[in-house]
Amino acid sequence: MAEAKKPGAKKSGATGPRATGRASATDPSGIADKVRAAGEKMRASGERIAGHGNELGMKLLDQAEQNTREAFEAMRRAAKAHDLSEVMHVQGEYLREQGSRSLAQAREIGEMIANFGRDAINRVAGRDDTK
């Protein structure tokens, strides 16, 4: 007597992408090629991000160096001051300049990060602006 088939049971002799649940490399739909291309785009984007990270790190070091030079210059002027009012003037001047410098530096870093983000999205989406 023949066995009764259960609903949803797989055929025992089935082969191909549907039977295994995966597409083969020769699948006419080209899924493997699409996945490979997407992986290459992600890899290239990751390499660009790493390069941007280096660029960002160098910019931060440059800014820190500039801030340190300015701070030491202000300390030298304060050390040469003849009285307390001159020290207070040097300090106030330094704080104003440092505030302006910090704002400009934060703006510059923010623009760099935004540009890096746009670049990464464009690379993944296939809109490479570096050609």
N, C-alpha and C. Protein backbone atom coordinates (compact mmCIF):
# COMPACT_ATOMS: atom_id res chain seq x y z
N MET A 1 0.82 -1.17 0.00
CA MET A 1 0.00 0.00 0.00
C MET A 1 0.87 1.25 0.00
N ALA A 2 0.42 2.32 -0.65
CA ALA A 2 1.21 3.56 -0.74
C ALA A 2 1.05 4.37 0.52
N GLU A 3 2.15 5.04 0.92
CA GLU A 3 2.10 5.89 2.12
C GLU A 3 1.32 7.15 1.82
N ALA A 4 0.60 7.64 2.81
CA ALA A 4 -0.13 8.91 2.65
C ALA A 4 0.86 10.04 2.86
N LYS A 5 0.83 11.00 1.94
CA LYS A 5 1.76 12.12 2.06
C LYS A 5 1.20 13.14 3.02
N LYS A 6 2.09 13.66 3.85
CA LYS A 6 1.71 14.70 4.80
C LYS A 6 1.73 16.05 4.09
N PRO A 7 0.80 16.94 4.42
CA PRO A 7 0.83 18.26 3.80
C PRO A 7 2.12 18.98 4.17
N GLY A 8 2.76 19.64 3.18
CA GLY A 8 3.97 20.41 3.44
C GLY A 8 5.24 19.58 3.41
N ALA A 9 5.15 18.25 3.22
CA ALA A 9 6.34 17.41 3.20
C ALA A 9 7.06 17.59 1.87
N LYS A 10 8.41 17.56 1.92
CA LYS A 10 9.23 17.71 0.71
C LYS A 10 9.28 16.39 -0.03
N LYS A 11 9.41 16.53 -1.36
CA LYS A 11 9.61 15.33 -2.17
C LYS A 11 11.03 14.85 -1.93
N SER A 12 11.19 13.57 -1.85
CA SER A 12 12.51 13.04 -1.52
C SER A 12 13.50 13.18 -2.67
N GLY A 13 13.08 13.24 -3.90
CA GLY A 13 14.00 13.31 -5.03
C GLY A 13 14.18 14.70 -5.59
N ALA A 14 13.71 15.73 -4.92
CA ALA A 14 13.77 17.08 -5.46
C ALA A 14 15.21 17.60 -5.45
N THR A 15 15.56 18.30 -6.54
CA THR A 15 16.88 18.91 -6.64
C THR A 15 16.73 20.34 -7.13
N GLY A 16 17.85 21.09 -7.08
CA GLY A 16 17.83 22.46 -7.60
C GLY A 16 17.76 23.48 -6.49
N PRO A 17 17.74 24.77 -6.86
CA PRO A 17 17.78 25.84 -5.87
C PRO A 17 16.60 25.84 -4.92
N ARG A 18 15.43 25.49 -5.44
CA ARG A 18 14.24 25.51 -4.57
C ARG A 18 14.28 24.39 -3.54
N ALA A 19 14.82 23.27 -3.90
CA ALA A 19 14.86 22.14 -2.98
C ALA A 19 15.85 22.37 -1.86
N THR A 20 16.96 23.01 -2.17
CA THR A 20 18.00 23.22 -1.15
C THR A 20 17.80 24.52 -0.38
N GLY A 21 17.00 25.42 -0.93
CA GLY A 21 16.79 26.69 -0.25
C GLY A 21 17.86 27.72 -0.58
N ARG A 22 18.79 27.40 -1.52
CA ARG A 22 19.84 28.34 -1.91
C ARG A 22 19.95 28.38 -3.42
N ALA A 23 20.41 29.54 -3.89
CA ALA A 23 20.63 29.69 -5.32
C ALA A 23 22.04 29.21 -5.64
N SER A 24 22.17 28.51 -6.75
CA SER A 24 23.51 28.07 -7.16
C SER A 24 24.19 29.19 -7.91
N ALA A 25 25.49 29.06 -8.11
CA ALA A 25 26.27 30.08 -8.81
C ALA A 25 25.84 30.19 -10.26
N THR A 26 25.23 29.13 -10.83
CA THR A 26 24.78 29.15 -12.22
C THR A 26 23.30 29.44 -12.35
N ASP A 27 22.67 29.86 -11.27
CA ASP A 27 21.25 30.18 -11.28
C ASP A 27 20.99 31.30 -12.28
N PRO A 28 20.05 31.13 -13.20
CA PRO A 28 19.81 32.14 -14.22
C PRO A 28 19.41 33.50 -13.66
N SER A 29 18.90 33.56 -12.45
CA SER A 29 18.46 34.86 -11.91
C SER A 29 19.65 35.74 -11.55
N GLY A 30 20.87 35.20 -11.48
CA GLY A 30 22.08 35.98 -11.22
C GLY A 30 22.19 36.47 -9.79
N ILE A 31 21.56 35.81 -8.87
CA ILE A 31 21.59 36.23 -7.47
C ILE A 31 23.01 36.23 -6.93
N ALA A 32 23.76 35.21 -7.26
CA ALA A 32 25.14 35.12 -6.77
C ALA A 32 25.97 36.30 -7.27
N ASP A 33 25.78 36.68 -8.53
CA ASP A 33 26.51 37.82 -9.08
C ASP A 33 26.10 39.12 -8.39
N LYS A 34 24.83 39.26 -8.12
CA LYS A 34 24.35 40.47 -7.45
C LYS A 34 24.90 40.57 -6.03
N VAL A 35 24.94 39.46 -5.33
CA VAL A 35 25.48 39.43 -3.97
C VAL A 35 26.97 39.73 -4.00
N ARG A 36 27.67 39.16 -4.97
CA ARG A 36 29.11 39.41 -5.11
C ARG A 36 29.37 40.89 -5.39
N ALA A 37 28.59 41.49 -6.29
CA ALA A 37 28.75 42.91 -6.62
C ALA A 37 28.46 43.79 -5.41
N ALA A 38 27.43 43.44 -4.66
CA ALA A 38 27.10 44.21 -3.45
C ALA A 38 28.22 44.08 -2.42
N GLY A 39 28.80 42.90 -2.30
CA GLY A 39 29.92 42.69 -1.39
C GLY A 39 31.13 43.52 -1.79
N GLU A 40 31.39 43.61 -3.09
CA GLU A 40 32.51 44.43 -3.57
C GLU A 40 32.27 45.91 -3.27
N LYS A 41 31.05 46.37 -3.45
CA LYS A 41 30.72 47.77 -3.13
C LYS A 41 30.92 48.05 -1.64
N MET A 42 30.49 47.12 -0.80
CA MET A 42 30.65 47.29 0.64
C MET A 42 32.13 47.27 1.02
N ARG A 43 32.93 46.40 0.41
CA ARG A 43 34.35 46.34 0.68
C ARG A 43 35.03 47.65 0.29
N ALA A 44 34.71 48.14 -0.90
CA ALA A 44 35.30 49.41 -1.35
C ALA A 44 34.88 50.55 -0.45
N SER A 45 33.63 50.53 -0.03
CA SER A 45 33.14 51.57 0.88
C SER A 45 33.87 51.50 2.22
N GLY A 46 34.10 50.29 2.72
CA GLY A 46 34.84 50.12 3.97
C GLY A 46 36.26 50.63 3.87
N GLU A 47 36.89 50.41 2.72
CA GLU A 47 38.26 50.92 2.53
C GLU A 47 38.27 52.45 2.53
N ARG A 48 37.26 53.04 1.89
CA ARG A 48 37.18 54.50 1.86
C ARG A 48 36.94 55.05 3.26
N ILE A 49 36.09 54.38 4.03
CA ILE A 49 35.81 54.82 5.39
C ILE A 49 37.08 54.78 6.23
N ALA A 50 37.87 53.73 6.06
CA ALA A 50 39.14 53.64 6.80
C ALA A 50 40.06 54.80 6.42
N GLY A 51 40.10 55.12 5.14
CA GLY A 51 40.90 56.26 4.69
C GLY A 51 40.40 57.57 5.26
N HIS A 52 39.08 57.70 5.32
CA HIS A 52 38.49 58.91 5.91
C HIS A 52 38.80 58.99 7.40
N GLY A 53 38.82 57.85 8.06
CA GLY A 53 39.16 57.83 9.49
C GLY A 53 40.57 58.35 9.72
N ASN A 54 41.49 57.96 8.85
CA ASN A 54 42.87 58.46 8.95
C ASN A 54 42.91 59.97 8.72
N GLU A 55 42.18 60.42 7.72
CA GLU A 55 42.14 61.86 7.42
C GLU A 55 41.55 62.64 8.59
N LEU A 56 40.49 62.11 9.18
CA LEU A 56 39.87 62.76 10.33
C LEU A 56 40.82 62.80 11.52
N GLY A 57 41.50 61.71 11.78
CA GLY A 57 42.46 61.65 12.88
C GLY A 57 43.58 62.67 12.71
N MET A 58 44.09 62.80 11.49
CA MET A 58 45.15 63.78 11.24
C MET A 58 44.64 65.21 11.43
N LYS A 59 43.41 65.47 11.01
CA LYS A 59 42.83 66.80 11.19
C LYS A 59 42.68 67.13 12.68
N LEU A 60 42.24 66.16 13.46
CA LEU A 60 42.11 66.38 14.90
C LEU A 60 43.46 66.64 15.55
N LEU A 61 44.49 65.91 15.11
CA LEU A 61 45.83 66.16 15.64
C LEU A 61 46.33 67.55 15.27
N ASP A 62 46.08 67.97 14.04
CA ASP A 62 46.47 69.32 13.62
C ASP A 62 45.79 70.38 14.48
N GLN A 63 44.50 70.17 14.74
CA GLN A 63 43.76 71.14 15.55
C GLN A 63 44.28 71.15 16.99
N ALA A 64 44.55 69.99 17.54
CA ALA A 64 45.08 69.92 18.91
C ALA A 64 46.44 70.61 18.99
N GLU A 65 47.26 70.42 17.98
CA GLU A 65 48.57 71.07 17.95
C GLU A 65 48.42 72.60 17.90
N GLN A 66 47.51 73.08 17.07
CA GLN A 66 47.27 74.52 16.97
C GLN A 66 46.77 75.07 18.31
N ASN A 67 45.84 74.37 18.93
CA ASN A 67 45.30 74.82 20.22
C ASN A 67 46.39 74.85 21.29
N THR A 68 47.27 73.86 21.28
CA THR A 68 48.35 73.81 22.26
C THR A 68 49.33 74.97 22.05
N ARG A 69 49.68 75.23 20.79
CA ARG A 69 50.57 76.36 20.49
C ARG A 69 49.97 77.67 20.98
N GLU A 70 48.68 77.86 20.71
CA GLU A 70 48.00 79.09 21.13
C GLU A 70 47.96 79.21 22.66
N ALA A 71 47.72 78.10 23.34
CA ALA A 71 47.67 78.11 24.80
C ALA A 71 49.04 78.48 25.38
N PHE A 72 50.11 77.90 24.84
CA PHE A 72 51.44 78.24 25.34
C PHE A 72 51.81 79.69 25.04
N GLU A 73 51.39 80.18 23.90
CA GLU A 73 51.65 81.59 23.58
C GLU A 73 50.93 82.50 24.60
N ALA A 74 49.70 82.17 24.94
CA ALA A 74 48.96 82.96 25.92
C ALA A 74 49.64 82.87 27.30
N MET A 75 50.13 81.69 27.66
CA MET A 75 50.83 81.55 28.95
C MET A 75 52.11 82.39 28.97
N ARG A 76 52.81 82.43 27.85
CA ARG A 76 54.02 83.27 27.79
C ARG A 76 53.68 84.75 27.96
N ARG A 77 52.62 85.19 27.30
CA ARG A 77 52.21 86.60 27.44
C ARG A 77 51.78 86.90 28.87
N ALA A 78 51.06 85.96 29.48
CA ALA A 78 50.63 86.16 30.87
C ALA A 78 51.85 86.19 31.81
N ALA A 79 52.83 85.35 31.53
CA ALA A 79 54.03 85.33 32.38
C ALA A 79 54.82 86.62 32.27
N LYS A 80 54.75 87.28 31.13
CA LYS A 80 55.46 88.55 30.92
C LYS A 80 54.67 89.77 31.40
N ALA A 81 53.43 89.53 31.81
CA ALA A 81 52.57 90.64 32.24
C ALA A 81 53.16 91.34 33.47
N HIS A 82 52.91 92.64 33.55
CA HIS A 82 53.45 93.44 34.66
C HIS A 82 52.52 93.49 35.87
N ASP A 83 51.21 93.26 35.62
CA ASP A 83 50.29 93.30 36.75
C ASP A 83 49.10 92.37 36.46
N LEU A 84 48.24 92.25 37.47
CA LEU A 84 47.10 91.34 37.39
C LEU A 84 46.13 91.74 36.28
N SER A 85 45.92 93.02 36.08
CA SER A 85 44.97 93.44 35.04
C SER A 85 45.46 93.02 33.65
N GLU A 86 46.75 93.06 33.43
CA GLU A 86 47.31 92.62 32.15
C GLU A 86 47.14 91.11 31.99
N VAL A 87 47.32 90.35 33.07
CA VAL A 87 47.10 88.89 33.04
C VAL A 87 45.64 88.60 32.70
N MET A 88 44.72 89.33 33.33
CA MET A 88 43.29 89.13 33.07
C MET A 88 42.96 89.47 31.61
N HIS A 89 43.59 90.50 31.08
CA HIS A 89 43.37 90.88 29.68
C HIS A 89 43.85 89.76 28.74
N VAL A 90 45.03 89.22 29.00
CA VAL A 90 45.58 88.12 28.19
C VAL A 90 44.65 86.92 28.26
N GLN A 91 44.19 86.61 29.46
CA GLN A 91 43.31 85.45 29.64
C GLN A 91 42.00 85.64 28.89
N GLY A 92 41.41 86.81 29.01
CA GLY A 92 40.15 87.09 28.32
C GLY A 92 40.30 87.01 26.80
N GLU A 93 41.39 87.57 26.31
CA GLU A 93 41.68 87.52 24.88
C GLU A 93 41.85 86.08 24.41
N TYR A 94 42.59 85.29 25.17
CA TYR A 94 42.81 83.90 24.83
C TYR A 94 41.48 83.13 24.80
N LEU A 95 40.64 83.35 25.81
CA LEU A 95 39.36 82.63 25.86
C LEU A 95 38.45 82.98 24.69
N ARG A 96 38.42 84.26 24.30
CA ARG A 96 37.62 84.67 23.14
C ARG A 96 38.14 83.99 21.86
N GLU A 97 39.45 84.06 21.67
CA GLU A 97 40.04 83.46 20.47
C GLU A 97 39.84 81.94 20.45
N GLN A 98 40.00 81.32 21.62
CA GLN A 98 39.84 79.87 21.69
C GLN A 98 38.40 79.47 21.42
N GLY A 99 37.46 80.26 21.90
CA GLY A 99 36.05 79.97 21.63
C GLY A 99 35.75 80.02 20.14
N SER A 100 36.25 81.06 19.47
CA SER A 100 36.06 81.18 18.02
C SER A 100 36.74 80.03 17.29
N ARG A 101 37.95 79.72 17.71
CA ARG A 101 38.72 78.63 17.09
C ARG A 101 38.00 77.29 17.28
N SER A 102 37.50 77.04 18.47
CA SER A 102 36.79 75.78 18.74
C SER A 102 35.55 75.65 17.87
N LEU A 103 34.81 76.73 17.72
CA LEU A 103 33.61 76.71 16.89
C LEU A 103 33.98 76.40 15.43
N ALA A 104 35.01 77.07 14.92
CA ALA A 104 35.44 76.83 13.55
C ALA A 104 35.93 75.39 13.37
N GLN A 105 36.66 74.88 14.36
CA GLN A 105 37.16 73.52 14.27
C GLN A 105 36.04 72.50 14.33
N ALA A 106 35.06 72.72 15.19
CA ALA A 106 33.91 71.81 15.28
C ALA A 106 33.13 71.81 13.97
N ARG A 107 32.96 72.97 13.38
CA ARG A 107 32.26 73.08 12.09
C ARG A 107 33.03 72.30 11.02
N GLU A 108 34.34 72.46 11.00
CA GLU A 108 35.17 71.78 10.01
C GLU A 108 35.08 70.25 10.16
N ILE A 109 35.16 69.78 11.38
CA ILE A 109 35.06 68.33 11.64
C ILE A 109 33.66 67.83 11.26
N GLY A 110 32.63 68.58 11.62
CA GLY A 110 31.26 68.19 11.26
C GLY A 110 31.07 68.09 9.76
N GLU A 111 31.63 69.03 9.01
CA GLU A 111 31.54 68.98 7.55
C GLU A 111 32.28 67.77 7.00
N MET A 112 33.44 67.48 7.57
CA MET A 112 34.19 66.30 7.12
C MET A 112 33.38 65.02 7.34
N ILE A 113 32.80 64.89 8.52
CA ILE A 113 32.03 63.69 8.83
C ILE A 113 30.80 63.57 7.92
N ALA A 114 30.12 64.69 7.67
CA ALA A 114 28.97 64.68 6.77
C ALA A 114 29.39 64.27 5.36
N ASN A 115 30.52 64.80 4.90
CA ASN A 115 31.01 64.43 3.57
C ASN A 115 31.39 62.95 3.50
N PHE A 116 31.99 62.43 4.58
CA PHE A 116 32.34 61.01 4.61
C PHE A 116 31.07 60.16 4.54
N GLY A 117 30.04 60.56 5.26
CA GLY A 117 28.78 59.82 5.24
C GLY A 117 28.14 59.82 3.86
N ARG A 118 28.12 61.01 3.22
CA ARG A 118 27.57 61.09 1.87
C ARG A 118 28.36 60.22 0.90
N ASP A 119 29.67 60.25 1.03
CA ASP A 119 30.53 59.45 0.16
C ASP A 119 30.23 57.97 0.34
N ALA A 120 30.12 57.53 1.58
CA ALA A 120 29.84 56.10 1.84
C ALA A 120 28.50 55.68 1.25
N ILE A 121 27.48 56.51 1.41
CA ILE A 121 26.16 56.18 0.88
C ILE A 121 26.19 56.15 -0.64
N ASN A 122 26.87 57.12 -1.23
CA ASN A 122 26.97 57.16 -2.69
C ASN A 122 27.70 55.95 -3.23
N ARG A 123 28.74 55.51 -2.54
CA ARG A 123 29.50 54.34 -3.01
C ARG A 123 28.63 53.09 -2.95
N VAL A 124 27.90 52.91 -1.86
CA VAL A 124 27.05 51.72 -1.74
C VAL A 124 25.92 51.76 -2.76
N ALA A 125 25.40 52.96 -3.02
CA ALA A 125 24.30 53.12 -3.97
C ALA A 125 24.79 53.10 -5.42
N GLY A 126 26.12 53.08 -5.62
CA GLY A 126 26.64 53.03 -6.97
C GLY A 126 26.82 54.39 -7.62
N ARG A 127 26.76 55.45 -6.83
CA ARG A 127 26.93 56.80 -7.36
C ARG A 127 28.28 57.32 -6.91
N ASP A 128 29.34 56.82 -7.50
CA ASP A 128 30.70 57.20 -7.11
C ASP A 128 31.06 58.53 -7.75
N ASP A 129 31.31 59.56 -6.93
CA ASP A 129 31.64 60.89 -7.43
C ASP A 129 33.13 61.10 -7.65
N THR A 130 33.95 60.08 -7.42
CA THR A 130 35.40 60.25 -7.51
C THR A 130 35.94 59.97 -8.90
N LYS A 131 35.10 59.63 -9.85
CA LYS A 131 35.55 59.29 -11.22
C LYS A 131 35.97 60.52 -11.97
